[in-house]
């Protein structure tokens, strides 16, 4: 029996695979070498033991989203969480990219920005960074004028270069971009400022975070985006029902109570 062909635009793509090796420091995946605080692990184990395994999880993840929102001074309606920040990125791109739309990245940067965008059927347009790996607002202006992207990515601190974009650059991108600006702050704890300070209900910008790095919770696969309420409402149309299991919601909610311990490590 002949194989069923895949979409034409997927034929040339390769999957995103990072080798898994048994060493303490794994620079290729940038996992924390330290486990979460013992007190968090004890609290998590106690709550997990009381899970009603025959029941679906809270579909809206209300308590966890409220806890995460409290970290940033926003309500649960400004938080969308998913299975790692990659699923957050995928949901954003399924919602705002897709066939017939364009996504802008500035290379080199996190490969999954462009990869996931292509999986949704979007066209990826790439701008170049300066020699010091910072984003040049003039290059942003050129890319936007030529392509009018529906989604524009800014990764700060940038993966893999570690460069932190200044506030003036992010503001310039938001002011110029015709569509949604996604600021990926997976490594926010290593920066001296955050684009969270620029969030506004009337500004088409979102900030993506993860529990996989300094929170030492890569095994949990939990990420989130802080966004205007109208963005969160659209994302909720796209995500599958009950996508966050109960154990994951417990892990995220409890972790917020140990934020000082997590950051100190």
C-alpha atoms as a PDB file:
ATOM      1  CA  UNK A   1       0.000   0.000   0.000  1.00  0.00           C
ATOM      2  CA  UNK A   2       1.475   3.389  -0.939  1.00  0.00           C
ATOM      3  CA  UNK A   3       2.242   5.853   1.803  1.00  0.00           C
ATOM      4  CA  UNK A   4      -0.182   8.720   2.213  1.00  0.00           C
ATOM      5  CA  UNK A   5       1.650  11.930   1.259  1.00  0.00           C
ATOM      6  CA  UNK A   6       2.144  14.688   3.784  1.00  0.00           C
ATOM      7  CA  UNK A   7       1.422  18.329   3.073  1.00  0.00           C
ATOM      8  CA  UNK A   8       3.677  19.713   0.373  1.00  0.00           C
ATOM      9  CA  UNK A   9       5.081  22.370   2.697  1.00  0.00           C
ATOM     10  CA  UNK A  10       6.174  19.743   5.257  1.00  0.00           C
ATOM     11  CA  UNK A  11       8.201  17.521   2.951  1.00  0.00           C
ATOM     12  CA  UNK A  12      11.448  19.436   3.300  1.00  0.00           C
ATOM     13  CA  UNK A  13      11.151  20.031   7.042  1.00  0.00           C
ATOM     14  CA  UNK A  14      13.018  18.117   9.725  1.00  0.00           C
ATOM     15  CA  UNK A  15      11.901  17.672  13.312  1.00  0.00           C
ATOM     16  CA  UNK A  16      13.480  19.619  16.154  1.00  0.00           C
ATOM     17  CA  UNK A  17      15.566  17.158  18.170  1.00  0.00           C
ATOM     18  CA  UNK A  18      18.019  17.913  20.963  1.00  0.00           C
ATOM     19  CA  UNK A  19      20.265  15.019  22.059  1.00  0.00           C
ATOM     20  CA  UNK A  20      19.631  13.750  25.583  1.00  0.00           C
ATOM     21  CA  UNK A  21      22.822  12.820  27.411  1.00  0.00           C
ATOM     22  CA  UNK A  22      23.356  11.597  30.979  1.00  0.00           C
ATOM     23  CA  UNK A  23      25.553  14.368  32.391  1.00  0.00           C
ATOM     24  CA  UNK A  24      25.032  16.852  35.218  1.00  0.00           C
ATOM     25  CA  UNK A  25      25.302  20.029  33.129  1.00  0.00           C
ATOM     26  CA  UNK A  26      23.369  19.878  29.854  1.00  0.00           C
ATOM     27  CA  UNK A  27      24.154  23.020  27.898  1.00  0.00           C
ATOM     28  CA  UNK A  28      22.316  21.833  24.795  1.00  0.00           C
ATOM     29  CA  UNK A  29      18.996  21.916  26.666  1.00  0.00           C
ATOM     30  CA  UNK A  30      19.953  24.478  29.343  1.00  0.00           C
ATOM     31  CA  UNK A  31      18.319  22.544  32.150  1.00  0.00           C
ATOM     32  CA  UNK A  32      19.004  23.603  35.708  1.00  0.00           C
ATOM     33  CA  UNK A  33      21.501  21.230  37.358  1.00  0.00           C
ATOM     34  CA  UNK A  34      19.601  21.632  40.642  1.00  0.00           C
ATOM     35  CA  UNK A  35      16.321  20.011  41.684  1.00  0.00           C
ATOM     36  CA  UNK A  36      13.473  22.152  43.049  1.00  0.00           C
ATOM     37  CA  UNK A  37      13.556  22.953  46.794  1.00  0.00           C
ATOM     38  CA  UNK A  38      12.809  19.975  49.086  1.00  0.00           C
ATOM     39  CA  UNK A  39       9.877  21.823  50.680  1.00  0.00           C
ATOM     40  CA  UNK A  40       8.226  22.189  47.266  1.00  0.00           C
ATOM     41  CA  UNK A  41       8.758  18.508  46.505  1.00  0.00           C
ATOM     42  CA  UNK A  42       7.189  17.501  49.817  1.00  0.00           C
ATOM     43  CA  UNK A  43       4.183  19.770  49.315  1.00  0.00           C
ATOM     44  CA  UNK A  44       3.761  18.511  45.758  1.00  0.00           C
ATOM     45  CA  UNK A  45       3.905  14.853  46.817  1.00  0.00           C
ATOM     46  CA  UNK A  46       1.302  15.464  49.515  1.00  0.00           C
ATOM     47  CA  UNK A  47      -1.166  17.112  47.130  1.00  0.00           C
ATOM     48  CA  UNK A  48      -0.611  14.618  44.327  1.00  0.00           C
ATOM     49  CA  UNK A  49      -1.518  11.811  46.731  1.00  0.00           C
ATOM     50  CA  UNK A  50      -4.998  13.341  46.999  1.00  0.00           C
ATOM     51  CA  UNK A  51      -5.704  13.603  43.258  1.00  0.00           C
ATOM     52  CA  UNK A  52      -9.001  12.102  42.122  1.00  0.00           C
ATOM     53  CA  UNK A  53      -7.543  10.228  39.168  1.00  0.00           C
ATOM     54  CA  UNK A  54     -10.967   9.392  37.749  1.00  0.00           C
ATOM     55  CA  UNK A  55     -11.769  13.093  37.289  1.00  0.00           C
ATOM     56  CA  UNK A  56     -10.694  15.414  34.505  1.00  0.00           C
ATOM     57  CA  UNK A  57      -8.493  18.347  35.537  1.00  0.00           C
ATOM     58  CA  UNK A  58      -9.749  21.890  35.934  1.00  0.00           C
ATOM     59  CA  UNK A  59     -10.183  22.828  32.298  1.00  0.00           C
ATOM     60  CA  UNK A  60      -9.406  26.502  32.939  1.00  0.00           C
ATOM     61  CA  UNK A  61      -6.530  25.841  35.386  1.00  0.00           C
ATOM     62  CA  UNK A  62      -8.013  28.702  37.397  1.00  0.00           C
ATOM     63  CA  UNK A  63      -6.043  28.375  40.636  1.00  0.00           C
ATOM     64  CA  UNK A  64      -2.715  27.903  38.898  1.00  0.00           C
ATOM     65  CA  UNK A  65      -3.297  30.818  36.526  1.00  0.00           C
ATOM     66  CA  UNK A  66      -4.265  33.025  39.463  1.00  0.00           C
ATOM     67  CA  UNK A  67      -1.085  32.028  41.287  1.00  0.00           C
ATOM     68  CA  UNK A  68       1.084  32.756  38.242  1.00  0.00           C
ATOM     69  CA  UNK A  69      -0.718  36.033  37.673  1.00  0.00           C
ATOM     70  CA  UNK A  70       0.063  37.085  41.237  1.00  0.00           C
ATOM     71  CA  UNK A  71       3.764  36.945  40.357  1.00  0.00           C
ATOM     72  CA  UNK A  72       3.256  39.661  37.767  1.00  0.00           C
ATOM     73  CA  UNK A  73       0.468  41.724  39.281  1.00  0.00           C
ATOM     74  CA  UNK A  74      -2.207  40.558  36.844  1.00  0.00           C
ATOM     75  CA  UNK A  75      -5.316  38.407  37.089  1.00  0.00           C
ATOM     76  CA  UNK A  76      -5.841  34.876  35.754  1.00  0.00           C
ATOM     77  CA  UNK A  77      -7.586  36.365  32.728  1.00  0.00           C
ATOM     78  CA  UNK A  78      -4.166  37.660  31.600  1.00  0.00           C
ATOM     79  CA  UNK A  79      -2.482  34.251  31.855  1.00  0.00           C
ATOM     80  CA  UNK A  80      -2.556  31.379  29.377  1.00  0.00           C
ATOM     81  CA  UNK A  81      -0.625  28.249  30.351  1.00  0.00           C
ATOM     82  CA  UNK A  82       0.310  25.161  28.374  1.00  0.00           C
ATOM     83  CA  UNK A  83       2.617  22.151  28.244  1.00  0.00           C
ATOM     84  CA  UNK A  84       5.892  24.032  28.132  1.00  0.00           C
ATOM     85  CA  UNK A  85       6.512  27.378  26.485  1.00  0.00           C
ATOM     86  CA  UNK A  86       6.786  25.572  23.147  1.00  0.00           C
ATOM     87  CA  UNK A  87       3.090  24.686  23.282  1.00  0.00           C
ATOM     88  CA  UNK A  88       2.391  28.290  24.218  1.00  0.00           C
ATOM     89  CA  UNK A  89       4.299  29.371  21.095  1.00  0.00           C
ATOM     90  CA  UNK A  90       2.449  26.798  19.013  1.00  0.00           C
ATOM     91  CA  UNK A  91      -0.924  28.036  20.265  1.00  0.00           C
ATOM     92  CA  UNK A  92       0.007  31.646  19.575  1.00  0.00           C
ATOM     93  CA  UNK A  93       1.067  30.744  16.042  1.00  0.00           C
ATOM     94  CA  UNK A  94      -1.978  28.580  15.363  1.00  0.00           C
ATOM     95  CA  UNK A  95      -4.058  31.565  16.413  1.00  0.00           C
ATOM     96  CA  UNK A  96      -2.227  34.441  14.755  1.00  0.00           C
ATOM     97  CA  UNK A  97      -0.127  32.837  11.992  1.00  0.00           C
ATOM     98  CA  UNK A  98      -1.061  29.972   9.649  1.00  0.00           C
ATOM     99  CA  UNK A  99      -1.468  29.692   5.892  1.00  0.00           C
ATOM    100  CA  UNK A 100      -1.341  32.970   4.020  1.00  0.00           C
ATOM    101  CA  UNK A 101       0.257  34.809   6.942  1.00  0.00           C
ATOM    102  CA  UNK A 102       3.847  35.836   7.715  1.00  0.00           C
ATOM    103  CA  UNK A 103       6.037  35.493  10.793  1.00  0.00           C
ATOM    104  CA  UNK A 104       9.213  37.544  11.324  1.00  0.00           C
ATOM    105  CA  UNK A 105      12.286  36.348  13.217  1.00  0.00           C
ATOM    106  CA  UNK A 106      15.721  37.910  13.637  1.00  0.00           C
ATOM    107  CA  UNK A 107      18.491  35.387  13.230  1.00  0.00           C
ATOM    108  CA  UNK A 108      20.235  33.728  14.896  1.00  0.00           C
ATOM    109  CA  UNK A 109      17.545  33.036  17.454  1.00  0.00           C
ATOM    110  CA  UNK A 110      15.508  30.196  18.957  1.00  0.00           C
ATOM    111  CA  UNK A 111      14.932  27.743  16.110  1.00  0.00           C
ATOM    112  CA  UNK A 112      11.449  26.740  17.186  1.00  0.00           C
ATOM    113  CA  UNK A 113      10.053  30.201  16.479  1.00  0.00           C
ATOM    114  CA  UNK A 114      10.500  29.661  12.762  1.00  0.00           C
ATOM    115  CA  UNK A 115       9.974  25.905  12.872  1.00  0.00           C
ATOM    116  CA  UNK A 116       6.573  26.039  14.573  1.00  0.00           C
ATOM    117  CA  UNK A 117       5.516  28.919  12.346  1.00  0.00           C
ATOM    118  CA  UNK A 118       6.257  26.809   9.268  1.00  0.00           C
ATOM    119  CA  UNK A 119       4.312  23.891  10.749  1.00  0.00           C
ATOM    120  CA  UNK A 120       1.248  26.126  10.906  1.00  0.00           C
ATOM    121  CA  UNK A 121       1.658  26.904   7.214  1.00  0.00           C
ATOM    122  CA  UNK A 122       2.943  30.429   7.698  1.00  0.00           C
ATOM    123  CA  UNK A 123       5.724  32.006   5.661  1.00  0.00           C
ATOM    124  CA  UNK A 124       8.769  32.868   7.775  1.00  0.00           C
ATOM    125  CA  UNK A 125      10.707  36.020   6.926  1.00  0.00           C
ATOM    126  CA  UNK A 126      14.121  36.407   8.523  1.00  0.00           C
ATOM    127  CA  UNK A 127      15.923  39.599   9.455  1.00  0.00           C
ATOM    128  CA  UNK A 128      19.597  39.733  10.391  1.00  0.00           C
ATOM    129  CA  UNK A 129      21.052  40.777  13.725  1.00  0.00           C
ATOM    130  CA  UNK A 130      24.027  43.072  14.167  1.00  0.00           C
ATOM    131  CA  UNK A 131      27.531  41.659  14.613  1.00  0.00           C
ATOM    132  CA  UNK A 132      27.022  41.835  18.398  1.00  0.00           C
ATOM    133  CA  UNK A 133      23.759  39.856  17.974  1.00  0.00           C
ATOM    134  CA  UNK A 134      21.490  42.712  19.027  1.00  0.00           C
ATOM    135  CA  UNK A 135      18.442  43.593  16.941  1.00  0.00           C
ATOM    136  CA  UNK A 136      18.848  46.678  14.766  1.00  0.00           C
ATOM    137  CA  UNK A 137      15.629  48.758  14.723  1.00  0.00           C
ATOM    138  CA  UNK A 138      16.512  49.802  11.170  1.00  0.00           C
ATOM    139  CA  UNK A 139      16.481  46.136  10.139  1.00  0.00           C
ATOM    140  CA  UNK A 140      13.153  45.690  11.903  1.00  0.00           C
ATOM    141  CA  UNK A 141      11.789  48.636   9.960  1.00  0.00           C
ATOM    142  CA  UNK A 142      13.031  47.121   6.686  1.00  0.00           C
ATOM    143  CA  UNK A 143      11.527  43.685   7.375  1.00  0.00           C
ATOM    144  CA  UNK A 144       8.200  45.137   8.466  1.00  0.00           C
ATOM    145  CA  UNK A 145       7.967  47.536   5.532  1.00  0.00           C
ATOM    146  CA  UNK A 146       8.746  44.767   3.047  1.00  0.00           C
ATOM    147  CA  UNK A 147       6.743  41.890   4.521  1.00  0.00           C
ATOM    148  CA  UNK A 148       4.104  43.262   6.953  1.00  0.00           C
ATOM    149  CA  UNK A 149       4.361  40.225   9.275  1.00  0.00           C
ATOM    150  CA  UNK A 150       1.358  39.076  11.271  1.00  0.00           C
ATOM    151  CA  UNK A 151       3.618  37.914  14.118  1.00  0.00           C
ATOM    152  CA  UNK A 152       7.041  39.307  15.045  1.00  0.00           C
ATOM    153  CA  UNK A 153       9.346  37.502  17.487  1.00  0.00           C
ATOM    154  CA  UNK A 154      11.790  39.089  19.906  1.00  0.00           C
ATOM    155  CA  UNK A 155      13.785  36.660  22.054  1.00  0.00           C
ATOM    156  CA  UNK A 156      15.356  38.376  25.066  1.00  0.00           C
ATOM    157  CA  UNK A 157      17.642  37.145  26.497  1.00  0.00           C
ATOM    158  CA  UNK A 158      18.220  35.682  23.072  1.00  0.00           C
ATOM    159  CA  UNK A 159      18.670  31.951  22.618  1.00  0.00           C
ATOM    160  CA  UNK A 160      21.435  30.992  21.768  1.00  0.00           C
ATOM    161  CA  UNK A 161      23.448  34.233  22.084  1.00  0.00           C
ATOM    162  CA  UNK A 162      22.294  35.433  25.517  1.00  0.00           C
ATOM    163  CA  UNK A 163      21.876  39.034  24.377  1.00  0.00           C
ATOM    164  CA  UNK A 164      19.314  41.122  26.265  1.00  0.00           C
ATOM    165  CA  UNK A 165      17.505  43.608  24.053  1.00  0.00           C
ATOM    166  CA  UNK A 166      17.193  47.118  25.545  1.00  0.00           C
ATOM    167  CA  UNK A 167      13.740  48.446  26.328  1.00  0.00           C
ATOM    168  CA  UNK A 168      14.077  51.003  23.543  1.00  0.00           C
ATOM    169  CA  UNK A 169      14.441  48.247  20.937  1.00  0.00           C
ATOM    170  CA  UNK A 170      11.425  46.278  22.138  1.00  0.00           C
ATOM    171  CA  UNK A 171       9.363  49.463  22.229  1.00  0.00           C
ATOM    172  CA  UNK A 172      10.451  50.231  18.675  1.00  0.00           C
ATOM    173  CA  UNK A 173       9.438  46.761  17.477  1.00  0.00           C
ATOM    174  CA  UNK A 174       6.019  47.067  19.113  1.00  0.00           C
ATOM    175  CA  UNK A 175       5.501  50.529  17.653  1.00  0.00           C
ATOM    176  CA  UNK A 176       6.417  49.396  14.120  1.00  0.00           C
ATOM    177  CA  UNK A 177       4.901  45.916  13.967  1.00  0.00           C
ATOM    178  CA  UNK A 178       1.517  45.655  12.218  1.00  0.00           C
ATOM    179  CA  UNK A 179       0.608  42.442  14.048  1.00  0.00           C
ATOM    180  CA  UNK A 180       1.311  40.645  17.316  1.00  0.00           C
ATOM    181  CA  UNK A 181       4.742  40.971  18.946  1.00  0.00           C
ATOM    182  CA  UNK A 182       5.828  37.897  20.908  1.00  0.00           C
ATOM    183  CA  UNK A 183       8.629  38.518  23.416  1.00  0.00           C
ATOM    184  CA  UNK A 184      10.149  35.184  24.432  1.00  0.00           C
ATOM    185  CA  UNK A 185      11.587  35.526  27.942  1.00  0.00           C
ATOM    186  CA  UNK A 186      12.464  31.912  28.709  1.00  0.00           C
ATOM    187  CA  UNK A 187      15.641  33.221  30.350  1.00  0.00           C
ATOM    188  CA  UNK A 188      14.111  36.339  31.909  1.00  0.00           C
ATOM    189  CA  UNK A 189      15.810  35.793  35.260  1.00  0.00           C
ATOM    190  CA  UNK A 190      19.163  36.523  33.589  1.00  0.00           C
ATOM    191  CA  UNK A 191      18.058  39.947  32.318  1.00  0.00           C
ATOM    192  CA  UNK A 192      18.111  43.333  34.036  1.00  0.00           C
ATOM    193  CA  UNK A 193      14.637  44.273  32.786  1.00  0.00           C
ATOM    194  CA  UNK A 194      11.497  42.583  31.448  1.00  0.00           C
ATOM    195  CA  UNK A 195       9.082  43.423  28.674  1.00  0.00           C
ATOM    196  CA  UNK A 196       6.342  42.690  31.196  1.00  0.00           C
ATOM    197  CA  UNK A 197       6.657  46.371  32.096  1.00  0.00           C
ATOM    198  CA  UNK A 198       5.361  47.236  28.609  1.00  0.00           C
ATOM    199  CA  UNK A 199       2.245  45.072  28.714  1.00  0.00           C
ATOM    200  CA  UNK A 200      -0.986  46.940  28.186  1.00  0.00           C
ATOM    201  CA  UNK A 201      -4.511  45.915  27.247  1.00  0.00           C
ATOM    202  CA  UNK A 202      -4.299  48.121  24.152  1.00  0.00           C
ATOM    203  CA  UNK A 203      -0.811  47.002  23.089  1.00  0.00           C
ATOM    204  CA  UNK A 204      -0.540  43.941  20.767  1.00  0.00           C
ATOM    205  CA  UNK A 205       2.348  42.380  22.658  1.00  0.00           C
ATOM    206  CA  UNK A 206       2.705  39.256  24.804  1.00  0.00           C
ATOM    207  CA  UNK A 207       5.486  37.857  26.999  1.00  0.00           C
ATOM    208  CA  UNK A 208       6.214  34.124  27.114  1.00  0.00           C
ATOM    209  CA  UNK A 209       7.801  32.471  30.175  1.00  0.00           C
ATOM    210  CA  UNK A 210       8.729  28.923  31.218  1.00  0.00           C
ATOM    211  CA  UNK A 211       9.138  26.857  34.378  1.00  0.00           C
ATOM    212  CA  UNK A 212      11.816  24.726  32.679  1.00  0.00           C
ATOM    213  CA  UNK A 213      14.908  26.846  33.396  1.00  0.00           C
ATOM    214  CA  UNK A 214      15.547  28.668  36.676  1.00  0.00           C
ATOM    215  CA  UNK A 215      12.428  27.102  38.192  1.00  0.00           C
ATOM    216  CA  UNK A 216      14.127  23.670  37.836  1.00  0.00           C
ATOM    217  CA  UNK A 217      10.882  22.102  36.571  1.00  0.00           C
ATOM    218  CA  UNK A 218      11.766  20.944  33.060  1.00  0.00           C
ATOM    219  CA  UNK A 219      10.198  17.551  33.807  1.00  0.00           C
ATOM    220  CA  UNK A 220       6.820  19.195  34.418  1.00  0.00           C
ATOM    221  CA  UNK A 221       6.648  20.804  30.937  1.00  0.00           C
ATOM    222  CA  UNK A 222       4.899  24.002  31.985  1.00  0.00           C
ATOM    223  CA  UNK A 223       5.013  27.388  30.310  1.00  0.00           C
ATOM    224  CA  UNK A 224       2.765  30.416  30.101  1.00  0.00           C
ATOM    225  CA  UNK A 225       2.182  33.728  28.408  1.00  0.00           C
ATOM    226  CA  UNK A 226       1.223  37.015  30.033  1.00  0.00           C
ATOM    227  CA  UNK A 227      -1.033  38.810  27.589  1.00  0.00           C
ATOM    228  CA  UNK A 228      -3.944  41.189  27.106  1.00  0.00           C
ATOM    229  CA  UNK A 229      -7.269  39.541  27.923  1.00  0.00           C
ATOM    230  CA  UNK A 230      -8.359  39.623  24.281  1.00  0.00           C
ATOM    231  CA  UNK A 231      -5.328  37.534  23.293  1.00  0.00           C
ATOM    232  CA  UNK A 232      -5.972  34.965  26.035  1.00  0.00           C
ATOM    233  CA  UNK A 233      -9.593  34.657  24.917  1.00  0.00           C
ATOM    234  CA  UNK A 234      -8.491  33.825  21.374  1.00  0.00           C
ATOM    235  CA  UNK A 235      -5.904  31.280  22.538  1.00  0.00           C
ATOM    236  CA  UNK A 236      -8.569  29.465  24.535  1.00  0.00           C
ATOM    237  CA  UNK A 237     -10.444  28.802  21.289  1.00  0.00           C
ATOM    238  CA  UNK A 238      -7.458  26.941  19.863  1.00  0.00           C
ATOM    239  CA  UNK A 239      -6.109  24.791  22.699  1.00  0.00           C
ATOM    240  CA  UNK A 240      -7.423  21.267  23.214  1.00  0.00           C
ATOM    241  CA  UNK A 241      -9.734  20.675  26.199  1.00  0.00           C
ATOM    242  CA  UNK A 242      -8.185  19.543  29.492  1.00  0.00           C
ATOM    243  CA  UNK A 243      -4.689  20.082  28.091  1.00  0.00           C
ATOM    244  CA  UNK A 244      -3.119  20.700  31.517  1.00  0.00           C
ATOM    245  CA  UNK A 245      -3.232  17.653  33.776  1.00  0.00           C
ATOM    246  CA  UNK A 246      -4.010  17.994  37.470  1.00  0.00           C
ATOM    247  CA  UNK A 247      -0.477  17.151  38.649  1.00  0.00           C
ATOM    248  CA  UNK A 248       0.978  19.852  36.421  1.00  0.00           C
ATOM    249  CA  UNK A 249      -1.482  22.411  37.757  1.00  0.00           C
ATOM    250  CA  UNK A 250      -0.525  21.495  41.316  1.00  0.00           C
ATOM    251  CA  UNK A 251       3.176  21.776  40.464  1.00  0.00           C
ATOM    252  CA  UNK A 252       2.808  25.233  38.971  1.00  0.00           C
ATOM    253  CA  UNK A 253       0.531  26.582  41.681  1.00  0.00           C
ATOM    254  CA  UNK A 254       2.797  25.393  44.493  1.00  0.00           C
ATOM    255  CA  UNK A 255       5.966  26.594  42.777  1.00  0.00           C
ATOM    256  CA  UNK A 256       4.791  30.192  43.013  1.00  0.00           C
ATOM    257  CA  UNK A 257       4.988  29.909  46.796  1.00  0.00           C
ATOM    258  CA  UNK A 258       8.684  29.085  46.529  1.00  0.00           C
ATOM    259  CA  UNK A 259       9.683  31.786  44.050  1.00  0.00           C
ATOM    260  CA  UNK A 260      12.356  33.244  46.357  1.00  0.00           C
ATOM    261  CA  UNK A 261      13.960  29.832  46.866  1.00  0.00           C
ATOM    262  CA  UNK A 262      13.841  29.133  43.142  1.00  0.00           C
ATOM    263  CA  UNK A 263      15.450  32.467  42.233  1.00  0.00           C
ATOM    264  CA  UNK A 264      18.105  32.225  44.943  1.00  0.00           C
ATOM    265  CA  UNK A 265      19.352  28.963  43.484  1.00  0.00           C
END
